[in-house]
Amino acid sequence: MSNNTADTPQARRTKNHDAQINNLLQDRDGGIPIWIRSPKGRPEHYTGLSRAKLYELAGEGLIRSVSLRKPGEVKGTRLFNLQSILRYIEGQETRNSSKGVAHV
């Protein structure tokens, strides 16, 4: 048995999940976006996260986001990277699997 950390069950699960996420995101015929907008007054469609939670996670650097605005403008459109959100959720599930609950 090797000491290679890439052979651990957790590493294999993470690699499996990453492959599944990549497959979902590459399937553009299914209509799954790469970037999403934060919802107003309801949970986000693909993840179930609220607008406040998306901004909180992005502010903490836990998920990727980008603000589209012209130089000098105050307002813009904030987009969140769906793959980074799904990876964050998967990481929470893996981290908390012994408790049986994913805390987001």
C-alpha atoms as a PDB file:
ATOM      1  CA  MET A   1       0.000   0.000   0.000  1.00  0.00           C
ATOM      2  CA  SER A   2       1.418   3.397  -0.961  1.00  0.00           C
ATOM      3  CA  ASN A   3       1.584   6.540   1.148  1.00  0.00           C
ATOM      4  CA  ASN A   4       0.287   8.578  -1.769  1.00  0.00           C
ATOM      5  CA  THR A   5      -2.523  10.823  -0.487  1.00  0.00           C
ATOM      6  CA  ALA A   6      -4.147  10.681  -3.936  1.00  0.00           C
ATOM      7  CA  ASP A   7      -5.095   7.056  -3.162  1.00  0.00           C
ATOM      8  CA  THR A   8      -7.170   7.835  -0.076  1.00  0.00           C
ATOM      9  CA  PRO A   9     -10.927   7.190  -0.172  1.00  0.00           C
ATOM     10  CA  GLN A  10     -11.607  10.892   0.323  1.00  0.00           C
ATOM     11  CA  ALA A  11      -9.324  11.845  -2.591  1.00  0.00           C
ATOM     12  CA  ARG A  12     -11.061   9.296  -4.822  1.00  0.00           C
ATOM     13  CA  ARG A  13     -14.512  10.626  -3.789  1.00  0.00           C
ATOM     14  CA  THR A  14     -13.423  14.208  -4.447  1.00  0.00           C
ATOM     15  CA  LYS A  15     -12.017  13.248  -7.853  1.00  0.00           C
ATOM     16  CA  ASN A  16     -15.259  11.397  -8.631  1.00  0.00           C
ATOM     17  CA  HIS A  17     -17.371  14.393  -7.583  1.00  0.00           C
ATOM     18  CA  ASP A  18     -15.194  16.779  -9.596  1.00  0.00           C
ATOM     19  CA  ALA A  19     -15.624  14.578 -12.662  1.00  0.00           C
ATOM     20  CA  GLN A  20     -19.395  14.516 -12.138  1.00  0.00           C
ATOM     21  CA  ILE A  21     -19.525  18.300 -11.715  1.00  0.00           C
ATOM     22  CA  ASN A  22     -17.376  18.825 -14.811  1.00  0.00           C
ATOM     23  CA  ASN A  23     -19.608  16.475 -16.813  1.00  0.00           C
ATOM     24  CA  LEU A  24     -22.711  18.356 -15.711  1.00  0.00           C
ATOM     25  CA  LEU A  25     -21.226  21.726 -16.546  1.00  0.00           C
ATOM     26  CA  GLN A  26     -19.939  20.572 -19.933  1.00  0.00           C
ATOM     27  CA  ASP A  27     -23.394  19.324 -20.879  1.00  0.00           C
ATOM     28  CA  ARG A  28     -24.544  22.649 -22.300  1.00  0.00           C
ATOM     29  CA  ASP A  29     -27.531  20.944 -23.976  1.00  0.00           C
ATOM     30  CA  GLY A  30     -28.929  20.414 -20.490  1.00  0.00           C
ATOM     31  CA  GLY A  31     -29.009  24.160 -19.914  1.00  0.00           C
ATOM     32  CA  ILE A  32     -26.755  24.146 -16.854  1.00  0.00           C
ATOM     33  CA  PRO A  33     -25.007  27.520 -16.665  1.00  0.00           C
ATOM     34  CA  ILE A  34     -21.425  28.210 -15.710  1.00  0.00           C
ATOM     35  CA  TRP A  35     -22.256  31.529 -14.038  1.00  0.00           C
ATOM     36  CA  ILE A  36     -25.474  32.289 -12.117  1.00  0.00           C
ATOM     37  CA  ARG A  37     -27.064  35.428 -10.709  1.00  0.00           C
ATOM     38  CA  SER A  38     -28.170  35.696  -7.122  1.00  0.00           C
ATOM     39  CA  PRO A  39     -31.923  35.291  -6.693  1.00  0.00           C
ATOM     40  CA  LYS A  40     -34.213  37.920  -5.200  1.00  0.00           C
ATOM     41  CA  GLY A  41     -36.712  36.653  -2.660  1.00  0.00           C
ATOM     42  CA  ARG A  42     -36.233  32.939  -3.259  1.00  0.00           C
ATOM     43  CA  PRO A  43     -33.495  30.289  -3.070  1.00  0.00           C
ATOM     44  CA  GLU A  44     -31.148  29.920  -6.036  1.00  0.00           C
ATOM     45  CA  HIS A  45     -32.462  27.286  -8.471  1.00  0.00           C
ATOM     46  CA  TYR A  46     -29.457  24.916  -8.735  1.00  0.00           C
ATOM     47  CA  THR A  47     -28.142  25.044  -5.167  1.00  0.00           C
ATOM     48  CA  GLY A  48     -30.999  26.176  -2.937  1.00  0.00           C
ATOM     49  CA  LEU A  49     -28.788  28.880  -1.409  1.00  0.00           C
ATOM     50  CA  SER A  50     -30.164  32.306  -0.581  1.00  0.00           C
ATOM     51  CA  ARG A  51     -28.891  35.582  -2.010  1.00  0.00           C
ATOM     52  CA  ALA A  52     -27.389  36.472   1.374  1.00  0.00           C
ATOM     53  CA  LYS A  53     -25.574  33.120   1.647  1.00  0.00           C
ATOM     54  CA  LEU A  54     -24.097  33.469  -1.855  1.00  0.00           C
ATOM     55  CA  TYR A  55     -22.751  36.949  -1.034  1.00  0.00           C
ATOM     56  CA  GLU A  56     -21.452  35.698   2.330  1.00  0.00           C
ATOM     57  CA  LEU A  57     -19.576  32.755   0.779  1.00  0.00           C
ATOM     58  CA  ALA A  58     -18.163  34.957  -1.990  1.00  0.00           C
ATOM     59  CA  GLY A  59     -17.100  37.591   0.537  1.00  0.00           C
ATOM     60  CA  GLU A  60     -15.219  34.941   2.500  1.00  0.00           C
ATOM     61  CA  GLY A  61     -13.518  33.736  -0.691  1.00  0.00           C
ATOM     62  CA  LEU A  62     -15.148  30.296  -0.447  1.00  0.00           C
ATOM     63  CA  ILE A  63     -16.802  30.513  -3.874  1.00  0.00           C
ATOM     64  CA  ARG A  64     -15.918  32.420  -7.049  1.00  0.00           C
ATOM     65  CA  SER A  65     -17.824  35.511  -8.096  1.00  0.00           C
ATOM     66  CA  VAL A  66     -17.318  38.411 -10.447  1.00  0.00           C
ATOM     67  CA  SER A  67     -18.885  41.849 -10.718  1.00  0.00           C
ATOM     68  CA  LEU A  68     -19.624  43.044 -14.232  1.00  0.00           C
ATOM     69  CA  ARG A  69     -19.568  46.827 -14.338  1.00  0.00           C
ATOM     70  CA  LYS A  70     -18.038  49.566 -16.364  1.00  0.00           C
ATOM     71  CA  PRO A  71     -15.133  51.551 -14.904  1.00  0.00           C
ATOM     72  CA  GLY A  72     -16.367  54.298 -12.612  1.00  0.00           C
ATOM     73  CA  GLU A  73     -19.848  52.829 -12.195  1.00  0.00           C
ATOM     74  CA  VAL A  74     -21.083  51.947  -8.718  1.00  0.00           C
ATOM     75  CA  LYS A  75     -23.685  49.364  -9.717  1.00  0.00           C
ATOM     76  CA  GLY A  76     -23.058  46.236 -11.699  1.00  0.00           C
ATOM     77  CA  THR A  77     -24.176  42.651 -12.034  1.00  0.00           C
ATOM     78  CA  ARG A  78     -22.689  40.086  -9.661  1.00  0.00           C
ATOM     79  CA  LEU A  79     -22.325  36.570 -11.043  1.00  0.00           C
ATOM     80  CA  PHE A  80     -21.416  33.433  -9.078  1.00  0.00           C
ATOM     81  CA  ASN A  81     -19.547  30.466 -10.511  1.00  0.00           C
ATOM     82  CA  LEU A  82     -21.837  27.437 -10.206  1.00  0.00           C
ATOM     83  CA  GLN A  83     -18.996  24.901 -10.226  1.00  0.00           C
ATOM     84  CA  SER A  84     -17.293  26.612  -7.280  1.00  0.00           C
ATOM     85  CA  ILE A  85     -20.588  26.590  -5.339  1.00  0.00           C
ATOM     86  CA  LEU A  86     -21.150  22.886  -6.035  1.00  0.00           C
ATOM     87  CA  ARG A  87     -17.563  22.109  -5.016  1.00  0.00           C
ATOM     88  CA  TYR A  88     -18.037  24.069  -1.794  1.00  0.00           C
ATOM     89  CA  ILE A  89     -21.206  22.114  -0.996  1.00  0.00           C
ATOM     90  CA  GLU A  90     -19.490  18.804  -1.803  1.00  0.00           C
ATOM     91  CA  GLY A  91     -16.599  19.789   0.459  1.00  0.00           C
ATOM     92  CA  GLN A  92     -19.017  20.526   3.289  1.00  0.00           C
ATOM     93  CA  GLU A  93     -20.721  17.180   2.765  1.00  0.00           C
ATOM     94  CA  THR A  94     -17.379  15.343   2.824  1.00  0.00           C
ATOM     95  CA  ARG A  95     -16.151  17.295   5.839  1.00  0.00           C
ATOM     96  CA  ASN A  96     -19.345  16.710   7.785  1.00  0.00           C
ATOM     97  CA  SER A  97     -20.109  13.173   6.582  1.00  0.00           C
ATOM     98  CA  SER A  98     -19.401  11.737  10.012  1.00  0.00           C
ATOM     99  CA  LYS A  99     -22.150  13.967  11.431  1.00  0.00           C
ATOM    100  CA  GLY A 100     -24.596  13.150   8.641  1.00  0.00           C
ATOM    101  CA  VAL A 101     -25.413  16.824   8.082  1.00  0.00           C
ATOM    102  CA  ALA A 102     -23.887  19.325   5.671  1.00  0.00           C
ATOM    103  CA  HIS A 103     -23.645  22.773   7.282  1.00  0.00           C
ATOM    104  CA  VAL A 104     -23.633  25.574   4.733  1.00  0.00           C
END
